[in-house]
Amino acid sequence: MDGIKYAVVTDKSIRLLLKNQYTYNVESGSTRTEIKHWVELFFGVKVIAMNSHRLPVKGRRMGPIMGHTMHYRRMIITLQPGYSIPPLRKKEKNLNKNT
């Protein structure tokens, strides 16, 4: 799962969940077939459609030099009816130091 960065949680992505469509940010160098293979292999689902678009880069200034943020691509993945992807959770840090 090197190509998939993280799941996107926006108003639109939450609306798309009702249509069995999931939204992820992926590396810009990844192809559609690679992403489809990773999703089907990792989550054990069947993908019927994939839509992708590149997001506009944001400028970052570091002193006199103008740079930009990392490039990535957003994929909207449509699954066959009956399949679903469980929500991804971040690992919680253990705050109890005595354990």
PDB file of N, CA and C in Angstrom:
ATOM      1  N   MET A   1       0.825  -1.191   0.000  1.00  0.00           N
ATOM      2  CA  MET A   1       0.000   0.000   0.000  1.00  0.00           C
ATOM      3  C   MET A   1       0.867   1.251   0.000  1.00  0.00           C
ATOM      4  N   ASP A   2       1.951   1.226  -0.742  1.00  0.00           N
ATOM      5  CA  ASP A   2       2.832   2.374  -0.793  1.00  0.00           C
ATOM      6  C   ASP A   2       2.213   3.547  -1.521  1.00  0.00           C
ATOM      7  N   GLY A   3       1.357   3.285  -2.508  1.00  0.00           N
ATOM      8  CA  GLY A   3       0.811   4.354  -3.327  1.00  0.00           C
ATOM      9  C   GLY A   3      -0.294   5.144  -2.673  1.00  0.00           C
ATOM     10  N   ILE A   4      -1.065   4.521  -1.783  1.00  0.00           N
ATOM     11  CA  ILE A   4      -2.190   5.210  -1.152  1.00  0.00           C
ATOM     12  C   ILE A   4      -1.689   5.938   0.086  1.00  0.00           C
ATOM     13  N   LYS A   5      -1.897   7.264   0.124  1.00  0.00           N
ATOM     14  CA  LYS A   5      -1.417   8.053   1.253  1.00  0.00           C
ATOM     15  C   LYS A   5      -2.406   8.010   2.417  1.00  0.00           C
ATOM     16  N   TYR A   6      -3.632   8.484   2.180  1.00  0.00           N
ATOM     17  CA  TYR A   6      -4.632   8.516   3.253  1.00  0.00           C
ATOM     18  C   TYR A   6      -6.016   8.723   2.665  1.00  0.00           C
ATOM     19  N   ALA A   7      -7.016   8.390   3.465  1.00  0.00           N
ATOM     20  CA  ALA A   7      -8.409   8.598   3.070  1.00  0.00           C
ATOM     21  C   ALA A   7      -8.756  10.074   3.234  1.00  0.00           C
ATOM     22  N   VAL A   8      -9.600  10.578   2.357  1.00  0.00           N
ATOM     23  CA  VAL A   8     -10.019  11.976   2.382  1.00  0.00           C
ATOM     24  C   VAL A   8     -11.367  12.065   3.078  1.00  0.00           C
ATOM     25  N   VAL A   9     -11.484  12.975   4.034  1.00  0.00           N
ATOM     26  CA  VAL A   9     -12.747  13.174   4.744  1.00  0.00           C
ATOM     27  C   VAL A   9     -13.185  14.619   4.512  1.00  0.00           C
ATOM     28  N   THR A  10     -14.082  14.785   3.539  1.00  0.00           N
ATOM     29  CA  THR A  10     -14.676  16.085   3.245  1.00  0.00           C
ATOM     30  C   THR A  10     -16.180  15.886   3.143  1.00  0.00           C
ATOM     31  N   ASP A  11     -16.904  16.978   2.966  1.00  0.00           N
ATOM     32  CA  ASP A  11     -18.356  16.867   2.811  1.00  0.00           C
ATOM     33  C   ASP A  11     -18.707  16.022   1.593  1.00  0.00           C
ATOM     34  N   LYS A  12     -18.012  16.254   0.501  1.00  0.00           N
ATOM     35  CA  LYS A  12     -18.302  15.503  -0.718  1.00  0.00           C
ATOM     36  C   LYS A  12     -17.950  14.026  -0.558  1.00  0.00           C
ATOM     37  N   SER A  13     -16.811  13.721   0.067  1.00  0.00           N
ATOM     38  CA  SER A  13     -16.423  12.314   0.218  1.00  0.00           C
ATOM     39  C   SER A  13     -17.391  11.566   1.133  1.00  0.00           C
ATOM     40  N   ILE A  14     -17.945  12.236   2.107  1.00  0.00           N
ATOM     41  CA  ILE A  14     -18.933  11.598   2.981  1.00  0.00           C
ATOM     42  C   ILE A  14     -20.229  11.345   2.217  1.00  0.00           C
ATOM     43  N   ARG A  15     -20.640  12.289   1.359  1.00  0.00           N
ATOM     44  CA  ARG A  15     -21.816  12.072   0.503  1.00  0.00           C
ATOM     45  C   ARG A  15     -21.594  10.896  -0.440  1.00  0.00           C
ATOM     46  N   LEU A  16     -20.383  10.770  -0.977  1.00  0.00           N
ATOM     47  CA  LEU A  16     -20.081   9.698  -1.916  1.00  0.00           C
ATOM     48  C   LEU A  16     -20.092   8.322  -1.264  1.00  0.00           C
ATOM     49  N   LEU A  17     -19.892   8.256   0.053  1.00  0.00           N
ATOM     50  CA  LEU A  17     -19.936   6.967   0.752  1.00  0.00           C
ATOM     51  C   LEU A  17     -21.303   6.311   0.600  1.00  0.00           C
ATOM     52  N   LEU A  18     -22.360   7.111   0.494  1.00  0.00           N
ATOM     53  CA  LEU A  18     -23.698   6.562   0.303  1.00  0.00           C
ATOM     54  C   LEU A  18     -23.845   5.880  -1.054  1.00  0.00           C
ATOM     55  N   LYS A  19     -23.013   6.288  -2.030  1.00  0.00           N
ATOM     56  CA  LYS A  19     -23.026   5.685  -3.365  1.00  0.00           C
ATOM     57  C   LYS A  19     -21.978   4.581  -3.498  1.00  0.00           C
ATOM     58  N   ASN A  20     -21.388   4.167  -2.385  1.00  0.00           N
ATOM     59  CA  ASN A  20     -20.345   3.133  -2.350  1.00  0.00           C
ATOM     60  C   ASN A  20     -19.096   3.594  -3.095  1.00  0.00           C
ATOM     61  N   GLN A  21     -18.765   4.905  -2.939  1.00  0.00           N
ATOM     62  CA  GLN A  21     -17.570   5.472  -3.537  1.00  0.00           C
ATOM     63  C   GLN A  21     -16.665   5.982  -2.426  1.00  0.00           C
ATOM     64  N   TYR A  22     -15.384   5.650  -2.526  1.00  0.00           N
ATOM     65  CA  TYR A  22     -14.409   6.002  -1.497  1.00  0.00           C
ATOM     66  C   TYR A  22     -13.349   6.905  -2.106  1.00  0.00           C
ATOM     67  N   THR A  23     -12.890   7.889  -1.328  1.00  0.00           N
ATOM     68  CA  THR A  23     -11.952   8.891  -1.813  1.00  0.00           C
ATOM     69  C   THR A  23     -10.628   8.771  -1.074  1.00  0.00           C
ATOM     70  N   TYR A  24      -9.525   8.704  -1.846  1.00  0.00           N
ATOM     71  CA  TYR A  24      -8.188   8.589  -1.275  1.00  0.00           C
ATOM     72  C   TYR A  24      -7.245   9.529  -1.994  1.00  0.00           C
ATOM     73  N   ASN A  25      -6.241  10.021  -1.286  1.00  0.00           N
ATOM     74  CA  ASN A  25      -5.129  10.724  -1.903  1.00  0.00           C
ATOM     75  C   ASN A  25      -4.032   9.704  -2.132  1.00  0.00           C
ATOM     76  N   VAL A  26      -3.487   9.701  -3.335  1.00  0.00           N
ATOM     77  CA  VAL A  26      -2.453   8.736  -3.705  1.00  0.00           C
ATOM     78  C   VAL A  26      -1.260   9.489  -4.278  1.00  0.00           C
ATOM     79  N   GLU A  27      -0.126   8.786  -4.386  1.00  0.00           N
ATOM     80  CA  GLU A  27       1.057   9.387  -4.977  1.00  0.00           C
ATOM     81  C   GLU A  27       0.800   9.696  -6.443  1.00  0.00           C
ATOM     82  N   SER A  28       1.350  10.786  -6.928  1.00  0.00           N
ATOM     83  CA  SER A  28       1.067  11.205  -8.291  1.00  0.00           C
ATOM     84  C   SER A  28       1.675  10.268  -9.325  1.00  0.00           C
ATOM     85  N   GLY A  29       2.719   9.548  -8.980  1.00  0.00           N
ATOM     86  CA  GLY A  29       3.357   8.640  -9.923  1.00  0.00           C
ATOM     87  C   GLY A  29       2.649   7.307 -10.076  1.00  0.00           C
ATOM     88  N   SER A  30       1.664   7.027  -9.236  1.00  0.00           N
ATOM     89  CA  SER A  30       0.951   5.753  -9.294  1.00  0.00           C
ATOM     90  C   SER A  30      -0.053   5.757 -10.442  1.00  0.00           C
ATOM     91  N   THR A  31      -0.169   4.624 -11.112  1.00  0.00           N
ATOM     92  CA  THR A  31      -1.136   4.512 -12.196  1.00  0.00           C
ATOM     93  C   THR A  31      -2.464   3.996 -11.667  1.00  0.00           C
ATOM     94  N   ARG A  32      -3.504   4.111 -12.480  1.00  0.00           N
ATOM     95  CA  ARG A  32      -4.838   3.645 -12.073  1.00  0.00           C
ATOM     96  C   ARG A  32      -4.840   2.141 -11.845  1.00  0.00           C
ATOM     97  N   THR A  33      -4.141   1.397 -12.702  1.00  0.00           N
ATOM     98  CA  THR A  33      -4.143  -0.059 -12.553  1.00  0.00           C
ATOM     99  C   THR A  33      -3.417  -0.483 -11.282  1.00  0.00           C
ATOM    100  N   GLU A  34      -2.339   0.223 -10.917  1.00  0.00           N
ATOM    101  CA  GLU A  34      -1.647  -0.080  -9.660  1.00  0.00           C
ATOM    102  C   GLU A  34      -2.562   0.161  -8.466  1.00  0.00           C
ATOM    103  N   ILE A  35      -3.234   1.320  -8.452  1.00  0.00           N
ATOM    104  CA  ILE A  35      -4.125   1.655  -7.336  1.00  0.00           C
ATOM    105  C   ILE A  35      -5.260   0.642  -7.254  1.00  0.00           C
ATOM    106  N   LYS A  36      -5.842   0.280  -8.388  1.00  0.00           N
ATOM    107  CA  LYS A  36      -6.925  -0.693  -8.401  1.00  0.00           C
ATOM    108  C   LYS A  36      -6.444  -2.031  -7.852  1.00  0.00           C
ATOM    109  N   HIS A  37      -5.272  -2.461  -8.250  1.00  0.00           N
ATOM    110  CA  HIS A  37      -4.720  -3.727  -7.769  1.00  0.00           C
ATOM    111  C   HIS A  37      -4.482  -3.675  -6.259  1.00  0.00           C
ATOM    112  N   TRP A  38      -3.899  -2.563  -5.759  1.00  0.00           N
ATOM    113  CA  TRP A  38      -3.643  -2.430  -4.328  1.00  0.00           C
ATOM    114  C   TRP A  38      -4.926  -2.447  -3.513  1.00  0.00           C
ATOM    115  N   VAL A  39      -5.949  -1.723  -3.986  1.00  0.00           N
ATOM    116  CA  VAL A  39      -7.220  -1.665  -3.252  1.00  0.00           C
ATOM    117  C   VAL A  39      -7.880  -3.038  -3.220  1.00  0.00           C
ATOM    118  N   GLU A  40      -7.930  -3.718  -4.362  1.00  0.00           N
ATOM    119  CA  GLU A  40      -8.556  -5.038  -4.408  1.00  0.00           C
ATOM    120  C   GLU A  40      -7.792  -6.048  -3.571  1.00  0.00           C
ATOM    121  N   LEU A  41      -6.470  -5.975  -3.580  1.00  0.00           N
ATOM    122  CA  LEU A  41      -5.657  -6.922  -2.820  1.00  0.00           C
ATOM    123  C   LEU A  41      -5.709  -6.645  -1.322  1.00  0.00           C
ATOM    124  N   PHE A  42      -5.560  -5.385  -0.936  1.00  0.00           N
ATOM    125  CA  PHE A  42      -5.481  -5.028   0.481  1.00  0.00           C
ATOM    126  C   PHE A  42      -6.826  -5.129   1.194  1.00  0.00           C
ATOM    127  N   PHE A  43      -7.898  -4.628   0.557  1.00  0.00           N
ATOM    128  CA  PHE A  43      -9.208  -4.603   1.203  1.00  0.00           C
ATOM    129  C   PHE A  43     -10.084  -5.783   0.836  1.00  0.00           C
ATOM    130  N   GLY A  44      -9.723  -6.558  -0.182  1.00  0.00           N
ATOM    131  CA  GLY A  44     -10.524  -7.708  -0.597  1.00  0.00           C
ATOM    132  C   GLY A  44     -11.866  -7.308  -1.179  1.00  0.00           C
ATOM    133  N   VAL A  45     -11.877  -6.289  -2.041  1.00  0.00           N
ATOM    134  CA  VAL A  45     -13.107  -5.794  -2.654  1.00  0.00           C
ATOM    135  C   VAL A  45     -12.960  -5.831  -4.166  1.00  0.00           C
ATOM    136  N   LYS A  46     -14.066  -5.584  -4.885  1.00  0.00           N
ATOM    137  CA  LYS A  46     -14.053  -5.499  -6.340  1.00  0.00           C
ATOM    138  C   LYS A  46     -14.308  -4.051  -6.759  1.00  0.00           C
ATOM    139  N   VAL A  47     -13.395  -3.488  -7.525  1.00  0.00           N
ATOM    140  CA  VAL A  47     -13.507  -2.112  -8.000  1.00  0.00           C
ATOM    141  C   VAL A  47     -14.140  -2.130  -9.389  1.00  0.00           C
ATOM    142  N   ILE A  48     -15.196  -1.306  -9.580  1.00  0.00           N
ATOM    143  CA  ILE A  48     -15.823  -1.251 -10.901  1.00  0.00           C
ATOM    144  C   ILE A  48     -15.478   0.031 -11.653  1.00  0.00           C
ATOM    145  N   ALA A  49     -15.091   1.102 -10.953  1.00  0.00           N
ATOM    146  CA  ALA A  49     -14.735   2.349 -11.627  1.00  0.00           C
ATOM    147  C   ALA A  49     -13.780   3.150 -10.754  1.00  0.00           C
ATOM    148  N   MET A  50     -12.954   3.948 -11.429  1.00  0.00           N
ATOM    149  CA  MET A  50     -12.028   4.832 -10.723  1.00  0.00           C
ATOM    150  C   MET A  50     -11.971   6.165 -11.452  1.00  0.00           C
ATOM    151  N   ASN A  51     -12.104   7.249 -10.719  1.00  0.00           N
ATOM    152  CA  ASN A  51     -11.959   8.597 -11.259  1.00  0.00           C
ATOM    153  C   ASN A  51     -10.806   9.263 -10.520  1.00  0.00           C
ATOM    154  N   SER A  52     -10.013  10.033 -11.247  1.00  0.00           N
ATOM    155  CA  SER A  52      -8.885  10.682 -10.587  1.00  0.00           C
ATOM    156  C   SER A  52      -8.713  12.091 -11.128  1.00  0.00           C
ATOM    157  N   HIS A  53      -8.138  12.943 -10.309  1.00  0.00           N
ATOM    158  CA  HIS A  53      -7.764  14.276 -10.739  1.00  0.00           C
ATOM    159  C   HIS A  53      -6.610  14.766  -9.880  1.00  0.00           C
ATOM    160  N   ARG A  54      -5.810  15.643 -10.464  1.00  0.00           N
ATOM    161  CA  ARG A  54      -4.696  16.234  -9.729  1.00  0.00           C
ATOM    162  C   ARG A  54      -5.188  17.491  -9.029  1.00  0.00           C
ATOM    163  N   LEU A  55      -4.778  17.639  -7.806  1.00  0.00           N
ATOM    164  CA  LEU A  55      -5.152  18.825  -7.049  1.00  0.00           C
ATOM    165  C   LEU A  55      -4.165  19.949  -7.339  1.00  0.00           C
ATOM    166  N   PRO A  56      -4.600  21.190  -7.274  1.00  0.00           N
ATOM    167  CA  PRO A  56      -3.665  22.290  -7.519  1.00  0.00           C
ATOM    168  C   PRO A  56      -2.625  22.372  -6.405  1.00  0.00           C
ATOM    169  N   VAL A  57      -1.383  22.717  -6.786  1.00  0.00           N
ATOM    170  CA  VAL A  57      -0.319  22.818  -5.785  1.00  0.00           C
ATOM    171  C   VAL A  57      -0.467  24.123  -5.025  1.00  0.00           C
ATOM    172  N   LYS A  58      -0.053  24.100  -3.789  1.00  0.00           N
ATOM    173  CA  LYS A  58      -0.093  25.295  -2.960  1.00  0.00           C
ATOM    174  C   LYS A  58       1.331  25.829  -2.812  1.00  0.00           C
ATOM    175  N   GLY A  59       1.479  27.126  -2.902  1.00  0.00           N
ATOM    176  CA  GLY A  59       2.789  27.745  -2.780  1.00  0.00           C
ATOM    177  C   GLY A  59       3.241  27.824  -1.331  1.00  0.00           C
ATOM    178  N   ARG A  60       4.519  27.608  -1.111  1.00  0.00           N
ATOM    179  CA  ARG A  60       5.122  27.741   0.214  1.00  0.00           C
ATOM    180  C   ARG A  60       6.367  28.611   0.081  1.00  0.00           C
ATOM    181  N   ARG A  61       6.431  29.652   0.872  1.00  0.00           N
ATOM    182  CA  ARG A  61       7.582  30.542   0.814  1.00  0.00           C
ATOM    183  C   ARG A  61       8.543  30.181   1.942  1.00  0.00           C
ATOM    184  N   MET A  62       9.819  30.039   1.554  1.00  0.00           N
ATOM    185  CA  MET A  62      10.887  29.809   2.531  1.00  0.00           C
ATOM    186  C   MET A  62      11.919  30.908   2.326  1.00  0.00           C
ATOM    187  N   GLY A  63      11.710  32.017   2.989  1.00  0.00           N
ATOM    188  CA  GLY A  63      12.571  33.177   2.771  1.00  0.00           C
ATOM    189  C   GLY A  63      12.296  33.770   1.400  1.00  0.00           C
ATOM    190  N   PRO A  64      13.333  34.042   0.634  1.00  0.00           N
ATOM    191  CA  PRO A  64      13.114  34.615  -0.700  1.00  0.00           C
ATOM    192  C   PRO A  64      12.726  33.571  -1.752  1.00  0.00           C
ATOM    193  N   ILE A  65      12.821  32.306  -1.397  1.00  0.00           N
ATOM    194  CA  ILE A  65      12.561  31.242  -2.363  1.00  0.00           C
ATOM    195  C   ILE A  65      11.106  30.801  -2.267  1.00  0.00           C
ATOM    196  N   MET A  66      10.446  30.728  -3.415  1.00  0.00           N
ATOM    197  CA  MET A  66       9.057  30.267  -3.465  1.00  0.00           C
ATOM    198  C   MET A  66       9.058  28.810  -3.892  1.00  0.00           C
ATOM    199  N   GLY A  67       8.537  27.960  -3.043  1.00  0.00           N
ATOM    200  CA  GLY A  67       8.445  26.540  -3.350  1.00  0.00           C
ATOM    201  C   GLY A  67       6.997  26.131  -3.445  1.00  0.00           C
ATOM    202  N   HIS A  68       6.751  24.829  -3.423  1.00  0.00           N
ATOM    203  CA  HIS A  68       5.377  24.342  -3.453  1.00  0.00           C
ATOM    204  C   HIS A  68       5.287  23.031  -2.671  1.00  0.00           C
ATOM    205  N   THR A  69       4.074  22.652  -2.325  1.00  0.00           N
ATOM    206  CA  THR A  69       3.852  21.433  -1.565  1.00  0.00           C
ATOM    207  C   THR A  69       4.000  20.223  -2.472  1.00  0.00           C
ATOM    208  N   MET A  70       3.982  19.047  -1.884  1.00  0.00           N
ATOM    209  CA  MET A  70       4.125  17.814  -2.641  1.00  0.00           C
ATOM    210  C   MET A  70       2.925  17.623  -3.571  1.00  0.00           C
ATOM    211  N   HIS A  71       3.190  17.046  -4.734  1.00  0.00           N
ATOM    212  CA  HIS A  71       2.124  16.750  -5.679  1.00  0.00           C
ATOM    213  C   HIS A  71       1.469  15.437  -5.293  1.00  0.00           C
ATOM    214  N   TYR A  72       0.179  15.382  -5.380  1.00  0.00           N
ATOM    215  CA  TYR A  72      -0.525  14.128  -5.204  1.00  0.00           C
ATOM    216  C   TYR A  72      -1.801  14.160  -6.018  1.00  0.00           C
ATOM    217  N   ARG A  73      -2.431  13.020  -6.123  1.00  0.00           N
ATOM    218  CA  ARG A  73      -3.605  12.846  -6.959  1.00  0.00           C
ATOM    219  C   ARG A  73      -4.741  12.320  -6.069  1.00  0.00           C
ATOM    220  N   ARG A  74      -5.951  12.725  -6.358  1.00  0.00           N
ATOM    221  CA  ARG A  74      -7.110  12.257  -5.601  1.00  0.00           C
ATOM    222  C   ARG A  74      -7.875  11.244  -6.443  1.00  0.00           C
ATOM    223  N   MET A  75      -8.142  10.069  -5.861  1.00  0.00           N
ATOM    224  CA  MET A  75      -8.855   9.001  -6.558  1.00  0.00           C
ATOM    225  C   MET A  75     -10.202   8.783  -5.894  1.00  0.00           C
ATOM    226  N   ILE A  76     -11.239   8.687  -6.698  1.00  0.00           N
ATOM    227  CA  ILE A  76     -12.570   8.309  -6.223  1.00  0.00           C
ATOM    228  C   ILE A  76     -12.822   6.909  -6.758  1.00  0.00           C
ATOM    229  N   ILE A  77     -12.927   5.946  -5.853  1.00  0.00           N
ATOM    230  CA  ILE A  77     -13.013   4.536  -6.208  1.00  0.00           C
ATOM    231  C   ILE A  77     -14.429   4.047  -5.969  1.00  0.00           C
ATOM    232  N   THR A  78     -15.068   3.491  -6.992  1.00  0.00           N
ATOM    233  CA  THR A  78     -16.421   2.957  -6.894  1.00  0.00           C
ATOM    234  C   THR A  78     -16.332   1.442  -6.776  1.00  0.00           C
ATOM    235  N   LEU A  79     -16.993   0.898  -5.766  1.00  0.00           N
ATOM    236  CA  LEU A  79     -16.984  -0.542  -5.526  1.00  0.00           C
ATOM    237  C   LEU A  79     -18.276  -1.180  -6.018  1.00  0.00           C
ATOM    238  N   GLN A  80     -18.204  -2.494  -6.255  1.00  0.00           N
ATOM    239  CA  GLN A  80     -19.406  -3.234  -6.622  1.00  0.00           C
ATOM    240  C   GLN A  80     -20.356  -3.249  -5.434  1.00  0.00           C
ATOM    241  N   PRO A  81     -21.675  -3.317  -5.693  1.00  0.00           N
ATOM    242  CA  PRO A  81     -22.633  -3.400  -4.584  1.00  0.00           C
ATOM    243  C   PRO A  81     -22.355  -4.634  -3.727  1.00  0.00           C
ATOM    244  N   GLY A  82     -22.469  -4.460  -2.424  1.00  0.00           N
ATOM    245  CA  GLY A  82     -22.216  -5.553  -1.490  1.00  0.00           C
ATOM    246  C   GLY A  82     -20.829  -5.499  -0.871  1.00  0.00           C
ATOM    247  N   TYR A  83     -19.923  -4.725  -1.432  1.00  0.00           N
ATOM    248  CA  TYR A  83     -18.576  -4.576  -0.889  1.00  0.00           C
ATOM    249  C   TYR A  83     -18.464  -3.241  -0.172  1.00  0.00           C
ATOM    250  N   SER A  84     -17.598  -3.186   0.825  1.00  0.00           N
ATOM    251  CA  SER A  84     -17.337  -1.927   1.524  1.00  0.00           C
ATOM    252  C   SER A  84     -15.923  -1.966   2.087  1.00  0.00           C
ATOM    253  N   ILE A  85     -15.378  -0.798   2.338  1.00  0.00           N
ATOM    254  CA  ILE A  85     -14.050  -0.660   2.922  1.00  0.00           C
ATOM    255  C   ILE A  85     -14.223  -0.137   4.336  1.00  0.00           C
ATOM    256  N   PRO A  86     -13.648  -0.807   5.340  1.00  0.00           N
ATOM    257  CA  PRO A  86     -13.774  -0.296   6.703  1.00  0.00           C
ATOM    258  C   PRO A  86     -12.994   1.004   6.851  1.00  0.00           C
ATOM    259  N   PRO A  87     -13.438   1.897   7.742  1.00  0.00           N
ATOM    260  CA  PRO A  87     -12.728   3.171   7.916  1.00  0.00           C
ATOM    261  C   PRO A  87     -11.331   2.925   8.479  1.00  0.00           C
ATOM    262  N   LEU A  88     -10.357   3.697   7.976  1.00  0.00           N
ATOM    263  CA  LEU A  88      -8.984   3.588   8.459  1.00  0.00           C
ATOM    264  C   LEU A  88      -8.822   4.459   9.680  1.00  0.00           C
ATOM    265  N   ARG A  89      -8.135   3.935  10.672  1.00  0.00           N
ATOM    266  CA  ARG A  89      -7.895   4.702  11.900  1.00  0.00           C
ATOM    267  C   ARG A  89      -6.407   4.871  12.094  1.00  0.00           C
ATOM    268  N   LYS A  90      -6.046   5.992  12.687  1.00  0.00           N
ATOM    269  CA  LYS A  90      -4.653   6.213  13.041  1.00  0.00           C
ATOM    270  C   LYS A  90      -4.331   5.402  14.286  1.00  0.00           C
ATOM    271  N   LYS A  91      -3.085   5.034  14.410  1.00  0.00           N
ATOM    272  CA  LYS A  91      -2.666   4.332  15.614  1.00  0.00           C
ATOM    273  C   LYS A  91      -2.705   5.312  16.782  1.00  0.00           C
ATOM    274  N   GLU A  92      -3.337   4.869  17.861  1.00  0.00           N
ATOM    275  CA  GLU A  92      -3.415   5.723  19.034  1.00  0.00           C
ATOM    276  C   GLU A  92      -2.174   5.528  19.873  1.00  0.00           C
ATOM    277  N   LYS A  93      -1.619   6.624  20.360  1.00  0.00           N
ATOM    278  CA  LYS A  93      -0.439   6.546  21.217  1.00  0.00           C
ATOM    279  C   LYS A  93      -0.880   6.146  22.605  1.00  0.00           C
ATOM    280  N   ASN A  94      -0.084   5.326  23.235  1.00  0.00           N
ATOM    281  CA  ASN A  94      -0.354   4.901  24.600  1.00  0.00           C
ATOM    282  C   ASN A  94       0.106   6.006  25.537  1.00  0.00           C
ATOM    283  N   LEU A  95      -0.825   6.699  26.154  1.00  0.00           N
ATOM    284  CA  LEU A  95      -0.490   7.807  27.032  1.00  0.00           C
ATOM    285  C   LEU A  95      -0.100   7.331  28.436  1.00  0.00           C
ATOM    286  N   ASN A  96      -0.445   6.108  28.769  1.00  0.00           N
ATOM    287  CA  ASN A  96      -0.129   5.569  30.072  1.00  0.00           C
ATOM    288  C   ASN A  96       1.296   5.038  30.038  1.00  0.00           C
ATOM    289  N   LYS A  97       2.239   5.719  30.691  1.00  0.00           N
ATOM    290  CA  LYS A  97       3.654   5.330  30.636  1.00  0.00           C
ATOM    291  C   LYS A  97       3.971   4.161  31.553  1.00  0.00           C
ATOM    292  N   ASN A  98       3.072   3.801  32.437  1.00  0.00           N
ATOM    293  CA  ASN A  98       3.339   2.710  33.374  1.00  0.00           C
ATOM    294  C   ASN A  98       3.160   1.351  32.738  1.00  0.00           C
ATOM    295  N   THR A  99       2.568   1.270  31.573  1.00  0.00           N
ATOM    296  CA  THR A  99       2.283  -0.007  30.944  1.00  0.00           C
ATOM    297  C   THR A  99       3.420  -0.480  30.095  1.00  0.00           C
TER     298      THR A  99
END
